[in-house]
Amino acid sequence: MFGFFKKKSEKDKLLELYNKKKKQAFVLSKSNRKESDRLEKEAYDILQKIDSLPQKD
């Protein structure tokens, strides 16, 4: 009922961080390619971490 009382799981936190990095990388890709590539690498590393988390199914 009240979703704001629910704690975020580790996967949710990582997905939020991943999306943030991808957005930043996209914006920077137009002006600073080197920094954009660094952020893309960080996003990729976060995605690898998400994939390595155990499934809750």
C-alpha atoms as a PDB file:
ATOM      1  CA  MET A   1       0.000   0.000   0.000  1.00  0.00           C
ATOM      2  CA  PHE A   2       2.686   2.481   0.983  1.00  0.00           C
ATOM      3  CA  GLY A   3       5.604   1.872  -1.336  1.00  0.00           C
ATOM      4  CA  PHE A   4       7.765   4.558   0.217  1.00  0.00           C
ATOM      5  CA  PHE A   5       8.128   2.506   3.424  1.00  0.00           C
ATOM      6  CA  LYS A   6       9.514  -0.451   1.497  1.00  0.00           C
ATOM      7  CA  LYS A   7      13.298  -0.762   1.485  1.00  0.00           C
ATOM      8  CA  LYS A   8      15.002  -1.026  -1.877  1.00  0.00           C
ATOM      9  CA  SER A   9      16.745  -4.269  -2.638  1.00  0.00           C
ATOM     10  CA  GLU A  10      20.393  -4.353  -3.657  1.00  0.00           C
ATOM     11  CA  LYS A  11      19.324  -5.072  -7.237  1.00  0.00           C
ATOM     12  CA  ASP A  12      16.997  -2.044  -7.299  1.00  0.00           C
ATOM     13  CA  LYS A  13      19.763   0.211  -6.000  1.00  0.00           C
ATOM     14  CA  LEU A  14      22.215  -1.066  -8.597  1.00  0.00           C
ATOM     15  CA  LEU A  15      19.671  -0.688 -11.412  1.00  0.00           C
ATOM     16  CA  GLU A  16      19.031   2.897 -10.371  1.00  0.00           C
ATOM     17  CA  LEU A  17      22.775   3.616 -10.354  1.00  0.00           C
ATOM     18  CA  TYR A  18      23.189   1.874 -13.726  1.00  0.00           C
ATOM     19  CA  ASN A  19      20.468   4.006 -15.317  1.00  0.00           C
ATOM     20  CA  LYS A  20      21.979   7.168 -13.849  1.00  0.00           C
ATOM     21  CA  LYS A  21      25.421   6.342 -15.279  1.00  0.00           C
ATOM     22  CA  LYS A  22      23.956   5.544 -18.709  1.00  0.00           C
ATOM     23  CA  LYS A  23      22.091   8.865 -18.833  1.00  0.00           C
ATOM     24  CA  GLN A  24      25.199  10.794 -17.791  1.00  0.00           C
ATOM     25  CA  ALA A  25      27.264   8.969 -20.407  1.00  0.00           C
ATOM     26  CA  PHE A  26      24.750   9.816 -23.118  1.00  0.00           C
ATOM     27  CA  VAL A  27      24.766  13.511 -22.255  1.00  0.00           C
ATOM     28  CA  LEU A  28      28.567  13.613 -22.141  1.00  0.00           C
ATOM     29  CA  SER A  29      28.935  11.677 -25.387  1.00  0.00           C
ATOM     30  CA  LYS A  30      28.154  14.879 -27.255  1.00  0.00           C
ATOM     31  CA  SER A  31      30.922  16.912 -25.630  1.00  0.00           C
ATOM     32  CA  ASN A  32      33.481  14.727 -23.836  1.00  0.00           C
ATOM     33  CA  ARG A  33      33.934  11.306 -25.375  1.00  0.00           C
ATOM     34  CA  LYS A  34      36.642  10.140 -22.974  1.00  0.00           C
ATOM     35  CA  GLU A  35      34.507  10.845 -19.896  1.00  0.00           C
ATOM     36  CA  SER A  36      31.513   9.270 -21.611  1.00  0.00           C
ATOM     37  CA  ASP A  37      33.499   6.078 -22.228  1.00  0.00           C
ATOM     38  CA  ARG A  38      34.563   6.005 -18.574  1.00  0.00           C
ATOM     39  CA  LEU A  39      30.931   6.246 -17.443  1.00  0.00           C
ATOM     40  CA  GLU A  40      29.889   3.547 -19.912  1.00  0.00           C
ATOM     41  CA  LYS A  41      32.574   1.270 -18.413  1.00  0.00           C
ATOM     42  CA  GLU A  42      31.260   1.957 -14.905  1.00  0.00           C
ATOM     43  CA  ALA A  43      27.710   1.209 -16.061  1.00  0.00           C
ATOM     44  CA  TYR A  44      28.888  -2.034 -17.633  1.00  0.00           C
ATOM     45  CA  ASP A  45      30.620  -3.051 -14.392  1.00  0.00           C
ATOM     46  CA  ILE A  46      27.421  -2.339 -12.452  1.00  0.00           C
ATOM     47  CA  LEU A  47      25.464  -4.466 -14.924  1.00  0.00           C
ATOM     48  CA  GLN A  48      27.911  -7.320 -14.374  1.00  0.00           C
ATOM     49  CA  LYS A  49      27.370  -6.975 -10.623  1.00  0.00           C
ATOM     50  CA  ILE A  50      23.591  -7.129 -11.134  1.00  0.00           C
ATOM     51  CA  ASP A  51      23.936 -10.278 -13.228  1.00  0.00           C
ATOM     52  CA  SER A  52      26.057 -11.926 -10.553  1.00  0.00           C
ATOM     53  CA  LEU A  53      23.438 -11.372  -7.832  1.00  0.00           C
ATOM     54  CA  PRO A  54      21.453 -14.488  -6.911  1.00  0.00           C
ATOM     55  CA  GLN A  55      17.972 -14.716  -8.410  1.00  0.00           C
ATOM     56  CA  LYS A  56      14.979 -14.509  -6.058  1.00  0.00           C
ATOM     57  CA  ASP A  57      12.571 -16.512  -8.260  1.00  0.00           C
END
